[in-house]
Amino acid sequence: MYTISSKLYLEVFESLMAQIATKGFFSGRVDLTVGDTFCSLICTLVVHRGKPSEESSLRPIERLVPVWWEFRTIEGGEEILNDFSFREMLAIAL
């Protein structure tokens, strides 16, 4: 079993946020390599946004709602089980 570290959760989240940018819906993937392990989050998300602030016209993300997701870990060409949790990623990152 591949254990997902807090650091990896943060890296996945930051990469995901970069791809979401200003979208209200996201369907895609985030790929990362950690040492010898290839990691991939494939997901479809609804992005709930708040109102723009006085300082910025960007609407901040208030909540991410996963419609579907899977997280894959591959070492040496073999897929291995992992303990990824979308909820845990959000709890650590937000």
N, C-alpha and C. Protein backbone atom coordinates (compact mmCIF):
# COMPACT_ATOMS: atom_id res chain seq x y z
N MET A 1 0.85 -1.18 0.00
CA MET A 1 0.00 0.00 0.00
C MET A 1 0.90 1.24 0.00
N TYR A 2 0.63 2.15 -0.92
CA TYR A 2 1.37 3.40 -1.00
C TYR A 2 0.66 4.43 -0.12
N THR A 3 1.37 4.94 0.87
CA THR A 3 0.81 5.92 1.80
C THR A 3 1.00 7.32 1.25
N ILE A 4 -0.08 8.08 1.17
CA ILE A 4 -0.03 9.45 0.68
C ILE A 4 0.36 10.37 1.83
N SER A 5 1.46 11.08 1.65
CA SER A 5 1.95 11.99 2.68
C SER A 5 1.23 13.34 2.60
N SER A 6 1.32 14.10 3.68
CA SER A 6 0.75 15.46 3.68
C SER A 6 1.39 16.30 2.59
N LYS A 7 2.68 16.13 2.39
CA LYS A 7 3.40 16.88 1.36
C LYS A 7 2.84 16.55 -0.03
N LEU A 8 2.59 15.28 -0.31
CA LEU A 8 2.04 14.89 -1.61
C LEU A 8 0.62 15.42 -1.78
N TYR A 9 -0.19 15.36 -0.71
CA TYR A 9 -1.53 15.94 -0.79
C TYR A 9 -1.45 17.41 -1.20
N LEU A 10 -0.53 18.16 -0.59
CA LEU A 10 -0.39 19.57 -0.91
C LEU A 10 0.07 19.78 -2.35
N GLU A 11 1.00 18.96 -2.81
CA GLU A 11 1.48 19.08 -4.19
C GLU A 11 0.36 18.80 -5.19
N VAL A 12 -0.42 17.77 -4.92
CA VAL A 12 -1.54 17.44 -5.80
C VAL A 12 -2.54 18.59 -5.80
N PHE A 13 -2.85 19.11 -4.63
CA PHE A 13 -3.82 20.20 -4.50
C PHE A 13 -3.34 21.44 -5.25
N GLU A 14 -2.08 21.81 -5.08
CA GLU A 14 -1.54 22.99 -5.76
C GLU A 14 -1.59 22.83 -7.28
N SER A 15 -1.24 21.65 -7.77
CA SER A 15 -1.31 21.39 -9.20
C SER A 15 -2.75 21.44 -9.70
N LEU A 16 -3.67 20.91 -8.90
CA LEU A 16 -5.08 20.94 -9.25
C LEU A 16 -5.59 22.38 -9.32
N MET A 17 -5.22 23.20 -8.34
CA MET A 17 -5.66 24.60 -8.32
C MET A 17 -5.14 25.36 -9.54
N ALA A 18 -3.91 25.06 -9.94
CA ALA A 18 -3.34 25.71 -11.12
C ALA A 18 -4.13 25.36 -12.37
N GLN A 19 -4.62 24.14 -12.45
CA GLN A 19 -5.39 23.73 -13.63
C GLN A 19 -6.83 24.23 -13.58
N ILE A 20 -7.39 24.34 -12.39
CA ILE A 20 -8.76 24.85 -12.26
C ILE A 20 -8.80 26.33 -12.63
N ALA A 21 -7.83 27.09 -12.17
CA ALA A 21 -7.73 28.54 -12.44
C ALA A 21 -9.05 29.23 -12.11
N THR A 22 -9.75 29.72 -13.12
CA THR A 22 -11.00 30.47 -12.90
C THR A 22 -12.23 29.67 -13.30
N LYS A 23 -12.08 28.41 -13.56
CA LYS A 23 -13.20 27.58 -14.03
C LYS A 23 -14.23 27.31 -12.93
N GLY A 24 -15.45 27.04 -13.35
CA GLY A 24 -16.51 26.64 -12.44
C GLY A 24 -16.77 25.15 -12.49
N PHE A 25 -16.06 24.48 -13.39
CA PHE A 25 -16.18 23.04 -13.56
C PHE A 25 -14.82 22.55 -14.04
N PHE A 26 -14.41 21.39 -13.57
CA PHE A 26 -13.12 20.85 -13.98
C PHE A 26 -13.27 19.36 -14.26
N SER A 27 -12.73 18.93 -15.38
CA SER A 27 -12.64 17.52 -15.69
C SER A 27 -11.28 17.31 -16.35
N GLY A 28 -10.41 16.60 -15.65
CA GLY A 28 -9.06 16.42 -16.17
C GLY A 28 -8.20 15.61 -15.23
N ARG A 29 -6.89 15.82 -15.35
CA ARG A 29 -5.97 15.02 -14.54
C ARG A 29 -4.79 15.87 -14.10
N VAL A 30 -4.21 15.44 -12.98
CA VAL A 30 -3.00 16.03 -12.43
C VAL A 30 -2.01 14.89 -12.29
N ASP A 31 -0.85 15.02 -12.92
CA ASP A 31 0.18 13.99 -12.86
C ASP A 31 1.41 14.51 -12.13
N LEU A 32 1.93 13.69 -11.24
CA LEU A 32 3.14 14.01 -10.48
C LEU A 32 4.02 12.77 -10.38
N THR A 33 5.30 12.99 -10.28
CA THR A 33 6.22 11.88 -10.02
C THR A 33 6.92 12.16 -8.70
N VAL A 34 6.85 11.17 -7.81
CA VAL A 34 7.49 11.27 -6.50
C VAL A 34 8.48 10.12 -6.40
N GLY A 35 9.77 10.45 -6.49
CA GLY A 35 10.78 9.39 -6.50
C GLY A 35 10.56 8.50 -7.70
N ASP A 36 10.34 7.22 -7.43
CA ASP A 36 10.10 6.24 -8.49
C ASP A 36 8.61 5.98 -8.74
N THR A 37 7.76 6.78 -8.11
CA THR A 37 6.32 6.53 -8.19
C THR A 37 5.63 7.60 -9.03
N PHE A 38 4.88 7.16 -10.03
CA PHE A 38 4.07 8.06 -10.85
C PHE A 38 2.69 8.12 -10.20
N CYS A 39 2.21 9.33 -9.94
CA CYS A 39 0.90 9.53 -9.31
C CYS A 39 0.01 10.34 -10.23
N SER A 40 -1.27 9.97 -10.29
CA SER A 40 -2.19 10.66 -11.18
C SER A 40 -3.57 10.76 -10.54
N LEU A 41 -4.04 12.00 -10.39
CA LEU A 41 -5.40 12.25 -9.93
C LEU A 41 -6.23 12.56 -11.17
N ILE A 42 -7.23 11.75 -11.43
CA ILE A 42 -8.15 11.95 -12.55
C ILE A 42 -9.49 12.27 -11.91
N CYS A 43 -10.08 13.41 -12.27
CA CYS A 43 -11.29 13.80 -11.56
C CYS A 43 -12.20 14.71 -12.38
N THR A 44 -13.45 14.74 -11.93
CA THR A 44 -14.45 15.67 -12.42
C THR A 44 -14.99 16.38 -11.18
N LEU A 45 -14.92 17.73 -11.20
CA LEU A 45 -15.28 18.51 -10.02
C LEU A 45 -16.21 19.65 -10.38
N VAL A 46 -17.11 19.98 -9.46
CA VAL A 46 -17.87 21.20 -9.54
C VAL A 46 -17.18 22.17 -8.60
N VAL A 47 -16.91 23.37 -9.09
CA VAL A 47 -16.18 24.38 -8.32
C VAL A 47 -17.16 25.47 -7.90
N HIS A 48 -17.42 25.55 -6.58
CA HIS A 48 -18.30 26.60 -6.05
C HIS A 48 -17.43 27.80 -5.69
N ARG A 49 -17.81 28.96 -6.19
CA ARG A 49 -17.02 30.17 -5.95
C ARG A 49 -17.83 31.20 -5.18
N GLY A 50 -17.10 31.98 -4.40
CA GLY A 50 -17.70 33.07 -3.64
C GLY A 50 -17.74 34.34 -4.47
N LYS A 51 -18.09 35.41 -3.82
CA LYS A 51 -18.15 36.72 -4.48
C LYS A 51 -16.74 37.31 -4.56
N PRO A 52 -16.50 38.13 -5.58
CA PRO A 52 -15.19 38.78 -5.68
C PRO A 52 -14.98 39.72 -4.49
N SER A 53 -13.72 39.88 -4.10
CA SER A 53 -13.41 40.80 -3.00
C SER A 53 -13.20 42.19 -3.57
N GLU A 54 -13.07 43.16 -2.69
CA GLU A 54 -12.83 44.54 -3.13
C GLU A 54 -11.46 44.68 -3.78
N GLU A 55 -10.50 43.84 -3.35
CA GLU A 55 -9.14 43.90 -3.87
C GLU A 55 -8.97 43.19 -5.20
N SER A 56 -9.85 42.24 -5.49
CA SER A 56 -9.68 41.42 -6.68
C SER A 56 -11.03 41.08 -7.30
N SER A 57 -11.04 41.00 -8.62
CA SER A 57 -12.28 40.61 -9.30
C SER A 57 -12.41 39.09 -9.40
N LEU A 58 -11.36 38.36 -8.98
CA LEU A 58 -11.41 36.90 -8.99
C LEU A 58 -12.36 36.40 -7.91
N ARG A 59 -13.15 35.42 -8.26
CA ARG A 59 -14.06 34.82 -7.30
C ARG A 59 -13.35 33.65 -6.62
N PRO A 60 -13.13 33.73 -5.31
CA PRO A 60 -12.39 32.67 -4.62
C PRO A 60 -13.17 31.36 -4.56
N ILE A 61 -12.45 30.26 -4.55
CA ILE A 61 -13.07 28.95 -4.43
C ILE A 61 -13.55 28.77 -3.00
N GLU A 62 -14.81 28.46 -2.85
CA GLU A 62 -15.37 28.19 -1.52
C GLU A 62 -15.44 26.70 -1.23
N ARG A 63 -15.67 25.92 -2.32
CA ARG A 63 -15.82 24.48 -2.10
C ARG A 63 -15.59 23.75 -3.42
N LEU A 64 -14.96 22.60 -3.31
CA LEU A 64 -14.81 21.69 -4.45
C LEU A 64 -15.68 20.47 -4.20
N VAL A 65 -16.52 20.16 -5.15
CA VAL A 65 -17.41 19.00 -5.00
C VAL A 65 -17.00 17.96 -6.04
N PRO A 66 -16.41 16.85 -5.57
CA PRO A 66 -16.02 15.81 -6.52
C PRO A 66 -17.24 15.05 -7.04
N VAL A 67 -17.37 14.99 -8.35
CA VAL A 67 -18.41 14.20 -8.98
C VAL A 67 -17.89 12.77 -9.13
N TRP A 68 -16.63 12.69 -9.53
CA TRP A 68 -15.95 11.40 -9.70
C TRP A 68 -14.46 11.65 -9.61
N TRP A 69 -13.74 10.72 -9.00
CA TRP A 69 -12.29 10.83 -8.97
C TRP A 69 -11.66 9.45 -8.77
N GLU A 70 -10.41 9.35 -9.19
CA GLU A 70 -9.59 8.18 -8.86
C GLU A 70 -8.15 8.66 -8.78
N PHE A 71 -7.40 8.03 -7.91
CA PHE A 71 -5.99 8.37 -7.73
C PHE A 71 -5.17 7.10 -7.98
N ARG A 72 -4.29 7.19 -8.94
CA ARG A 72 -3.47 6.02 -9.31
C ARG A 72 -2.02 6.23 -8.91
N THR A 73 -1.41 5.16 -8.44
CA THR A 73 0.02 5.16 -8.15
C THR A 73 0.65 3.99 -8.90
N ILE A 74 1.73 4.29 -9.63
CA ILE A 74 2.39 3.27 -10.44
C ILE A 74 3.88 3.28 -10.13
N GLU A 75 4.40 2.12 -9.79
CA GLU A 75 5.83 1.92 -9.52
C GLU A 75 6.32 0.78 -10.39
N GLY A 76 7.41 1.01 -11.11
CA GLY A 76 7.99 -0.04 -11.95
C GLY A 76 7.02 -0.61 -12.96
N GLY A 77 6.11 0.22 -13.45
CA GLY A 77 5.14 -0.24 -14.44
C GLY A 77 3.94 -0.96 -13.86
N GLU A 78 3.91 -1.14 -12.55
CA GLU A 78 2.82 -1.85 -11.87
C GLU A 78 1.99 -0.86 -11.05
N GLU A 79 0.67 -0.94 -11.20
CA GLU A 79 -0.20 -0.11 -10.37
C GLU A 79 -0.27 -0.71 -8.97
N ILE A 80 -0.12 0.16 -7.96
CA ILE A 80 -0.20 -0.31 -6.58
C ILE A 80 -1.31 0.44 -5.85
N LEU A 81 -1.90 -0.22 -4.87
CA LEU A 81 -2.94 0.41 -4.07
C LEU A 81 -2.38 1.58 -3.30
N ASN A 82 -3.24 2.55 -3.00
CA ASN A 82 -2.83 3.71 -2.20
C ASN A 82 -3.97 4.08 -1.27
N ASP A 83 -3.68 4.98 -0.34
CA ASP A 83 -4.70 5.39 0.63
C ASP A 83 -5.17 6.83 0.41
N PHE A 84 -5.15 7.29 -0.84
CA PHE A 84 -5.58 8.65 -1.16
C PHE A 84 -7.03 8.86 -0.76
N SER A 85 -7.30 10.03 -0.18
CA SER A 85 -8.66 10.43 0.18
C SER A 85 -8.86 11.87 -0.28
N PHE A 86 -9.86 12.11 -1.11
CA PHE A 86 -10.13 13.46 -1.58
C PHE A 86 -10.45 14.36 -0.39
N ARG A 87 -11.23 13.85 0.53
CA ARG A 87 -11.59 14.61 1.74
C ARG A 87 -10.35 14.97 2.55
N GLU A 88 -9.43 14.04 2.68
CA GLU A 88 -8.19 14.30 3.42
C GLU A 88 -7.36 15.36 2.71
N MET A 89 -7.29 15.31 1.39
CA MET A 89 -6.55 16.32 0.65
C MET A 89 -7.12 17.71 0.93
N LEU A 90 -8.44 17.84 0.89
CA LEU A 90 -9.06 19.13 1.16
C LEU A 90 -8.83 19.59 2.60
N ALA A 91 -8.89 18.66 3.53
CA ALA A 91 -8.68 19.00 4.94
C ALA A 91 -7.26 19.51 5.18
N ILE A 92 -6.29 18.91 4.53
CA ILE A 92 -4.89 19.33 4.68
C ILE A 92 -4.62 20.64 3.96
N ALA A 93 -5.18 20.79 2.76
CA ALA A 93 -4.85 21.93 1.91
C ALA A 93 -5.63 23.20 2.25
N LEU A 94 -6.81 23.06 2.78
CA LEU A 94 -7.62 24.26 3.03
C LEU A 94 -7.58 24.72 4.46
